[in-house]
N, C-alpha and C. Protein backbone atom coordinates (compact mmCIF):
# COMPACT_ATOMS: atom_id res chain seq x y z
N THR A 1 119.80 65.82 41.37
CA THR A 1 119.30 64.48 41.06
C THR A 1 118.33 63.99 42.15
N THR A 2 118.56 64.43 43.36
CA THR A 2 117.66 64.03 44.44
C THR A 2 116.26 64.61 44.21
N ARG A 3 116.21 65.86 43.76
CA ARG A 3 114.93 66.50 43.49
C ARG A 3 114.20 65.79 42.34
N VAL A 4 114.92 65.42 41.30
CA VAL A 4 114.33 64.72 40.16
C VAL A 4 113.81 63.36 40.61
N ARG A 5 114.61 62.67 41.41
CA ARG A 5 114.19 61.36 41.92
C ARG A 5 112.95 61.50 42.78
N SER A 6 112.91 62.52 43.63
CA SER A 6 111.77 62.74 44.50
C SER A 6 110.52 63.04 43.67
N GLU A 7 110.66 63.87 42.64
CA GLU A 7 109.52 64.18 41.76
C GLU A 7 109.06 62.93 41.02
N SER A 8 110.01 62.12 40.59
CA SER A 8 109.68 60.89 39.89
C SER A 8 108.95 59.91 40.82
N GLU A 9 109.41 59.80 42.05
CA GLU A 9 108.75 58.93 43.02
C GLU A 9 107.35 59.43 43.33
N GLU A 10 107.21 60.73 43.46
CA GLU A 10 105.91 61.33 43.72
C GLU A 10 104.95 61.05 42.56
N LYS A 11 105.45 61.15 41.34
CA LYS A 11 104.63 60.86 40.16
C LYS A 11 104.18 59.41 40.16
N ARG A 12 105.09 58.48 40.48
CA ARG A 12 104.73 57.07 40.53
C ARG A 12 103.70 56.80 41.62
N LYS A 13 103.82 57.47 42.76
CA LYS A 13 102.84 57.30 43.83
C LYS A 13 101.46 57.77 43.38
N LYS A 14 101.42 58.91 42.69
CA LYS A 14 100.14 59.42 42.20
C LYS A 14 99.53 58.47 41.18
N GLU A 15 100.37 57.91 40.31
CA GLU A 15 99.88 56.95 39.31
C GLU A 15 99.34 55.70 39.98
N ARG A 16 100.04 55.20 41.00
CA ARG A 16 99.56 54.01 41.72
C ARG A 16 98.24 54.30 42.42
N LEU A 17 98.14 55.49 43.00
CA LEU A 17 96.90 55.86 43.68
C LEU A 17 95.75 55.95 42.68
N LYS A 18 96.00 56.52 41.51
CA LYS A 18 94.97 56.62 40.47
C LYS A 18 94.54 55.22 40.02
N ARG A 19 95.50 54.31 39.82
CA ARG A 19 95.16 52.94 39.43
C ARG A 19 94.35 52.27 40.53
N LYS A 20 94.68 52.53 41.77
CA LYS A 20 93.91 51.96 42.88
C LYS A 20 92.48 52.48 42.87
N GLN A 21 92.30 53.77 42.61
CA GLN A 21 90.96 54.34 42.55
C GLN A 21 90.15 53.72 41.41
N ILE A 22 90.79 53.53 40.27
CA ILE A 22 90.11 52.90 39.13
C ILE A 22 89.74 51.46 39.48
N LYS A 23 90.69 50.74 40.08
CA LYS A 23 90.43 49.35 40.49
C LYS A 23 89.26 49.29 41.47
N ASP A 24 89.25 50.17 42.46
CA ASP A 24 88.17 50.18 43.44
C ASP A 24 86.83 50.47 42.79
N GLU A 25 86.81 51.41 41.84
CA GLU A 25 85.57 51.74 41.13
C GLU A 25 85.10 50.55 40.30
N LEU A 26 86.02 49.87 39.64
CA LEU A 26 85.67 48.70 38.84
C LEU A 26 85.07 47.60 39.73
N LEU A 27 85.70 47.35 40.87
CA LEU A 27 85.19 46.33 41.79
C LEU A 27 83.82 46.71 42.33
N SER A 28 83.65 47.96 42.69
CA SER A 28 82.38 48.42 43.23
C SER A 28 81.26 48.32 42.18
N THR A 29 81.57 48.73 40.96
CA THR A 29 80.59 48.68 39.88
C THR A 29 80.23 47.25 39.54
N GLU A 30 81.23 46.39 39.45
CA GLU A 30 80.97 44.98 39.12
C GLU A 30 80.14 44.32 40.21
N LYS A 31 80.41 44.64 41.46
CA LYS A 31 79.63 44.08 42.57
C LYS A 31 78.17 44.52 42.46
N SER A 32 77.94 45.81 42.25
CA SER A 32 76.57 46.32 42.15
C SER A 32 75.83 45.71 40.96
N TYR A 33 76.51 45.62 39.83
CA TYR A 33 75.89 45.06 38.63
C TYR A 33 75.55 43.59 38.83
N SER A 34 76.48 42.85 39.41
CA SER A 34 76.25 41.43 39.66
C SER A 34 75.06 41.24 40.60
N GLU A 35 74.98 42.04 41.64
CA GLU A 35 73.86 41.95 42.58
C GLU A 35 72.53 42.31 41.91
N ALA A 36 72.55 43.30 41.03
CA ALA A 36 71.32 43.70 40.32
C ALA A 36 70.86 42.58 39.39
N LEU A 37 71.79 41.96 38.69
CA LEU A 37 71.42 40.84 37.81
C LEU A 37 70.83 39.69 38.61
N GLN A 38 71.43 39.39 39.75
CA GLN A 38 70.93 38.31 40.60
C GLN A 38 69.51 38.62 41.08
N MET A 39 69.25 39.88 41.37
CA MET A 39 67.92 40.28 41.81
C MET A 39 66.90 40.09 40.67
N VAL A 40 67.26 40.43 39.44
CA VAL A 40 66.36 40.25 38.31
C VAL A 40 66.01 38.78 38.14
N VAL A 41 67.02 37.92 38.23
CA VAL A 41 66.78 36.48 38.11
C VAL A 41 65.88 36.00 39.24
N ARG A 42 66.21 36.38 40.47
CA ARG A 42 65.47 35.92 41.64
C ARG A 42 64.03 36.45 41.67
N GLU A 43 63.84 37.73 41.35
CA GLU A 43 62.53 38.36 41.51
C GLU A 43 61.64 38.29 40.27
N PHE A 44 62.22 38.09 39.10
CA PHE A 44 61.42 38.11 37.88
C PHE A 44 61.49 36.82 37.08
N ILE A 45 62.71 36.42 36.70
CA ILE A 45 62.83 35.27 35.80
C ILE A 45 62.37 33.98 36.46
N THR A 46 62.89 33.69 37.65
CA THR A 46 62.53 32.43 38.32
C THR A 46 61.03 32.35 38.60
N PRO A 47 60.41 33.38 39.17
CA PRO A 47 58.95 33.28 39.38
C PRO A 47 58.17 33.14 38.07
N LEU A 48 58.62 33.83 37.04
CA LEU A 48 57.93 33.73 35.75
C LEU A 48 58.05 32.33 35.17
N GLN A 49 59.24 31.74 35.31
CA GLN A 49 59.41 30.37 34.82
C GLN A 49 58.54 29.40 35.60
N LYS A 50 58.46 29.58 36.90
CA LYS A 50 57.66 28.69 37.74
C LYS A 50 56.16 28.83 37.47
N GLY A 51 55.73 30.04 37.16
CA GLY A 51 54.30 30.26 36.96
C GLY A 51 53.92 30.44 35.50
N ALA A 52 54.79 30.02 34.59
CA ALA A 52 54.55 30.24 33.16
C ALA A 52 53.21 29.67 32.69
N ASP A 53 52.92 28.44 33.10
CA ASP A 53 51.67 27.81 32.67
C ASP A 53 50.46 28.61 33.14
N ARG A 54 50.50 29.01 34.36
CA ARG A 54 49.40 29.76 34.95
C ARG A 54 49.23 31.13 34.28
N LEU A 55 50.33 31.69 33.81
CA LEU A 55 50.30 33.02 33.20
C LEU A 55 50.14 32.96 31.68
N ASP A 56 49.96 31.74 31.16
CA ASP A 56 49.82 31.54 29.72
C ASP A 56 51.03 32.07 28.94
N VAL A 57 52.20 31.75 29.47
CA VAL A 57 53.47 32.12 28.84
C VAL A 57 54.27 30.84 28.64
N THR A 58 54.89 30.69 27.50
CA THR A 58 55.69 29.49 27.25
C THR A 58 57.13 29.71 27.71
N ALA A 59 57.83 28.63 27.92
CA ALA A 59 59.25 28.71 28.29
C ALA A 59 60.03 29.44 27.20
N HIS A 60 59.66 29.21 25.95
CA HIS A 60 60.32 29.90 24.84
C HIS A 60 60.13 31.41 24.94
N GLN A 61 58.94 31.84 25.30
CA GLN A 61 58.67 33.28 25.44
C GLN A 61 59.48 33.89 26.59
N VAL A 62 59.61 33.14 27.66
CA VAL A 62 60.43 33.61 28.79
C VAL A 62 61.87 33.77 28.34
N ARG A 63 62.39 32.77 27.60
CA ARG A 63 63.77 32.86 27.09
C ARG A 63 63.94 34.07 26.17
N LEU A 64 62.94 34.31 25.32
CA LEU A 64 63.02 35.46 24.42
C LEU A 64 63.03 36.78 25.19
N MET A 65 62.22 36.85 26.23
CA MET A 65 62.14 38.09 27.02
C MET A 65 63.44 38.39 27.75
N PHE A 66 64.06 37.34 28.27
CA PHE A 66 65.24 37.56 29.11
C PHE A 66 66.53 37.11 28.46
N SER A 67 66.46 36.67 27.20
CA SER A 67 67.63 36.28 26.42
C SER A 67 68.54 35.40 27.27
N ASN A 68 69.81 35.76 27.37
CA ASN A 68 70.76 34.94 28.13
C ASN A 68 71.13 35.61 29.45
N LEU A 69 70.16 36.27 30.06
CA LEU A 69 70.42 37.01 31.30
C LEU A 69 70.91 36.12 32.44
N GLU A 70 70.39 34.90 32.51
CA GLU A 70 70.85 34.00 33.58
C GLU A 70 72.33 33.64 33.38
N LEU A 71 72.72 33.41 32.15
CA LEU A 71 74.12 33.13 31.85
C LEU A 71 75.00 34.33 32.16
N LEU A 72 74.53 35.52 31.81
CA LEU A 72 75.27 36.74 32.13
C LEU A 72 75.39 36.93 33.65
N THR A 73 74.35 36.57 34.37
CA THR A 73 74.38 36.69 35.83
C THR A 73 75.47 35.80 36.41
N GLU A 74 75.53 34.56 35.96
CA GLU A 74 76.57 33.65 36.45
C GLU A 74 77.96 34.13 36.05
N PHE A 75 78.07 34.66 34.83
CA PHE A 75 79.36 35.19 34.38
C PHE A 75 79.82 36.33 35.29
N HIS A 76 78.93 37.27 35.59
CA HIS A 76 79.33 38.42 36.41
C HIS A 76 79.60 38.03 37.86
N LYS A 77 78.92 37.01 38.36
CA LYS A 77 79.27 36.50 39.70
C LYS A 77 80.69 35.96 39.69
N THR A 78 81.04 35.21 38.65
CA THR A 78 82.39 34.66 38.51
C THR A 78 83.41 35.76 38.33
N LEU A 79 83.11 36.73 37.47
CA LEU A 79 84.03 37.84 37.22
C LEU A 79 84.31 38.61 38.50
N PHE A 80 83.26 38.93 39.25
CA PHE A 80 83.46 39.66 40.50
C PHE A 80 84.28 38.84 41.49
N ARG A 81 83.99 37.55 41.57
CA ARG A 81 84.75 36.68 42.48
C ARG A 81 86.23 36.68 42.09
N GLU A 82 86.52 36.58 40.81
CA GLU A 82 87.92 36.58 40.36
C GLU A 82 88.58 37.93 40.64
N PHE A 83 87.84 39.02 40.41
CA PHE A 83 88.40 40.34 40.71
C PHE A 83 88.77 40.45 42.19
N THR A 84 87.89 40.00 43.06
CA THR A 84 88.15 40.16 44.49
C THR A 84 89.27 39.26 44.98
N VAL A 85 89.45 38.12 44.35
CA VAL A 85 90.56 37.23 44.72
C VAL A 85 91.88 37.79 44.20
N ALA A 86 91.87 38.25 42.95
CA ALA A 86 93.11 38.73 42.32
C ALA A 86 93.45 40.14 42.75
N ALA A 87 92.48 40.92 43.14
CA ALA A 87 92.72 42.32 43.46
C ALA A 87 92.20 42.64 44.85
N PRO A 88 92.92 42.21 45.89
CA PRO A 88 92.45 42.48 47.25
C PRO A 88 92.33 43.99 47.48
N LEU A 89 91.46 44.33 48.38
CA LEU A 89 91.19 45.74 48.61
C LEU A 89 92.28 46.43 49.42
N THR A 90 93.30 45.71 49.83
CA THR A 90 94.40 46.33 50.54
C THR A 90 95.36 46.94 49.53
N PHE A 91 95.98 48.03 49.91
CA PHE A 91 96.89 48.74 49.02
C PHE A 91 97.94 49.45 49.87
N GLU A 92 99.17 49.27 49.52
CA GLU A 92 100.27 49.93 50.22
C GLU A 92 100.87 50.98 49.30
N PRO A 93 100.53 52.26 49.48
CA PRO A 93 101.00 53.30 48.57
C PRO A 93 102.52 53.43 48.53
N ASN A 94 103.21 53.02 49.56
CA ASN A 94 104.67 53.16 49.59
C ASN A 94 105.40 51.88 49.23
N SER A 95 104.68 50.88 48.73
CA SER A 95 105.30 49.59 48.45
C SER A 95 106.15 49.59 47.19
N GLY A 96 105.96 50.59 46.32
CA GLY A 96 106.74 50.65 45.10
C GLY A 96 106.07 49.97 43.93
N HIS A 97 104.96 49.28 44.16
CA HIS A 97 104.24 48.65 43.04
C HIS A 97 102.80 48.35 43.44
N ASP A 98 102.00 48.14 42.45
CA ASP A 98 100.60 47.78 42.68
C ASP A 98 100.28 46.63 41.73
N PRO A 99 100.59 45.41 42.12
CA PRO A 99 100.38 44.28 41.22
C PRO A 99 98.92 43.98 40.93
N ASP A 100 98.01 44.49 41.75
CA ASP A 100 96.58 44.20 41.56
C ASP A 100 96.09 44.59 40.18
N THR A 101 96.53 45.75 39.68
CA THR A 101 95.98 46.25 38.43
C THR A 101 96.32 45.36 37.25
N LYS A 102 97.49 44.74 37.24
CA LYS A 102 97.81 43.87 36.10
C LYS A 102 96.95 42.62 36.10
N TYR A 103 96.53 42.15 37.27
CA TYR A 103 95.67 40.98 37.33
C TYR A 103 94.27 41.29 36.81
N ILE A 104 93.80 42.49 37.04
CA ILE A 104 92.49 42.87 36.51
C ILE A 104 92.53 42.84 34.99
N GLY A 105 93.58 43.39 34.40
CA GLY A 105 93.73 43.34 32.94
C GLY A 105 93.77 41.92 32.42
N ALA A 106 94.48 41.06 33.12
CA ALA A 106 94.56 39.65 32.70
C ALA A 106 93.20 38.97 32.78
N ILE A 107 92.44 39.28 33.81
CA ILE A 107 91.10 38.69 33.96
C ILE A 107 90.19 39.17 32.84
N LEU A 108 90.23 40.46 32.54
CA LEU A 108 89.39 40.98 31.45
C LEU A 108 89.79 40.36 30.11
N SER A 109 91.08 40.19 29.89
CA SER A 109 91.54 39.54 28.65
C SER A 109 91.06 38.10 28.58
N LYS A 110 91.10 37.42 29.72
CA LYS A 110 90.67 36.03 29.79
C LYS A 110 89.21 35.87 29.35
N TYR A 111 88.38 36.83 29.70
CA TYR A 111 86.95 36.73 29.41
C TYR A 111 86.50 37.60 28.24
N ALA A 112 87.41 38.13 27.47
CA ALA A 112 87.05 39.04 26.38
C ALA A 112 86.05 38.41 25.41
N ASP A 113 86.28 37.16 25.03
CA ASP A 113 85.35 36.51 24.10
C ASP A 113 83.97 36.31 24.73
N PHE A 114 83.96 36.02 26.01
CA PHE A 114 82.69 35.80 26.70
C PHE A 114 81.87 37.10 26.75
N LEU A 115 82.55 38.22 26.82
CA LEU A 115 81.85 39.51 26.88
C LEU A 115 81.08 39.80 25.59
N LYS A 116 81.38 39.07 24.55
CA LYS A 116 80.66 39.25 23.28
C LYS A 116 79.19 38.85 23.42
N MET A 117 78.85 38.14 24.48
CA MET A 117 77.45 37.78 24.73
C MET A 117 76.56 39.01 24.79
N TYR A 118 77.14 40.13 25.16
CA TYR A 118 76.33 41.33 25.26
C TYR A 118 75.75 41.76 23.92
N GLY A 119 76.39 41.38 22.84
CA GLY A 119 75.84 41.67 21.52
C GLY A 119 74.46 41.03 21.37
N GLN A 120 74.33 39.78 21.75
CA GLN A 120 73.05 39.08 21.66
C GLN A 120 72.05 39.68 22.65
N TYR A 121 72.51 40.00 23.85
CA TYR A 121 71.63 40.53 24.88
C TYR A 121 71.09 41.90 24.45
N LEU A 122 71.94 42.74 23.86
CA LEU A 122 71.51 44.07 23.47
C LEU A 122 70.61 44.07 22.25
N ASN A 123 70.76 43.05 21.43
CA ASN A 123 69.90 42.99 20.23
C ASN A 123 68.52 42.56 20.67
């Protein structure tokens, strides 16, 4: 029974480590994506909006070109902030649990309807 328990504990440790790796990848990807969206807004959308008259472009045309990208940018800033608050980068492999991963699922569920914005953006 000790051997079975040890194997079971080892399996749980591996599963926690795998969840931690997935969580870290999700946080890293969300951070990079959020930063890229912010750069698009800062370097392209804002200057285009400011110089629209000079460039013979209407505000409506700017909105059509960039759809709801500014809203998506704010959403991803919020999502990343919530991930980092709910899922700190510290992890104790021997603690017996990894509560961070359940919070990530809850956050994604919370914003599931908001993620539907991508349908409009992709069209």
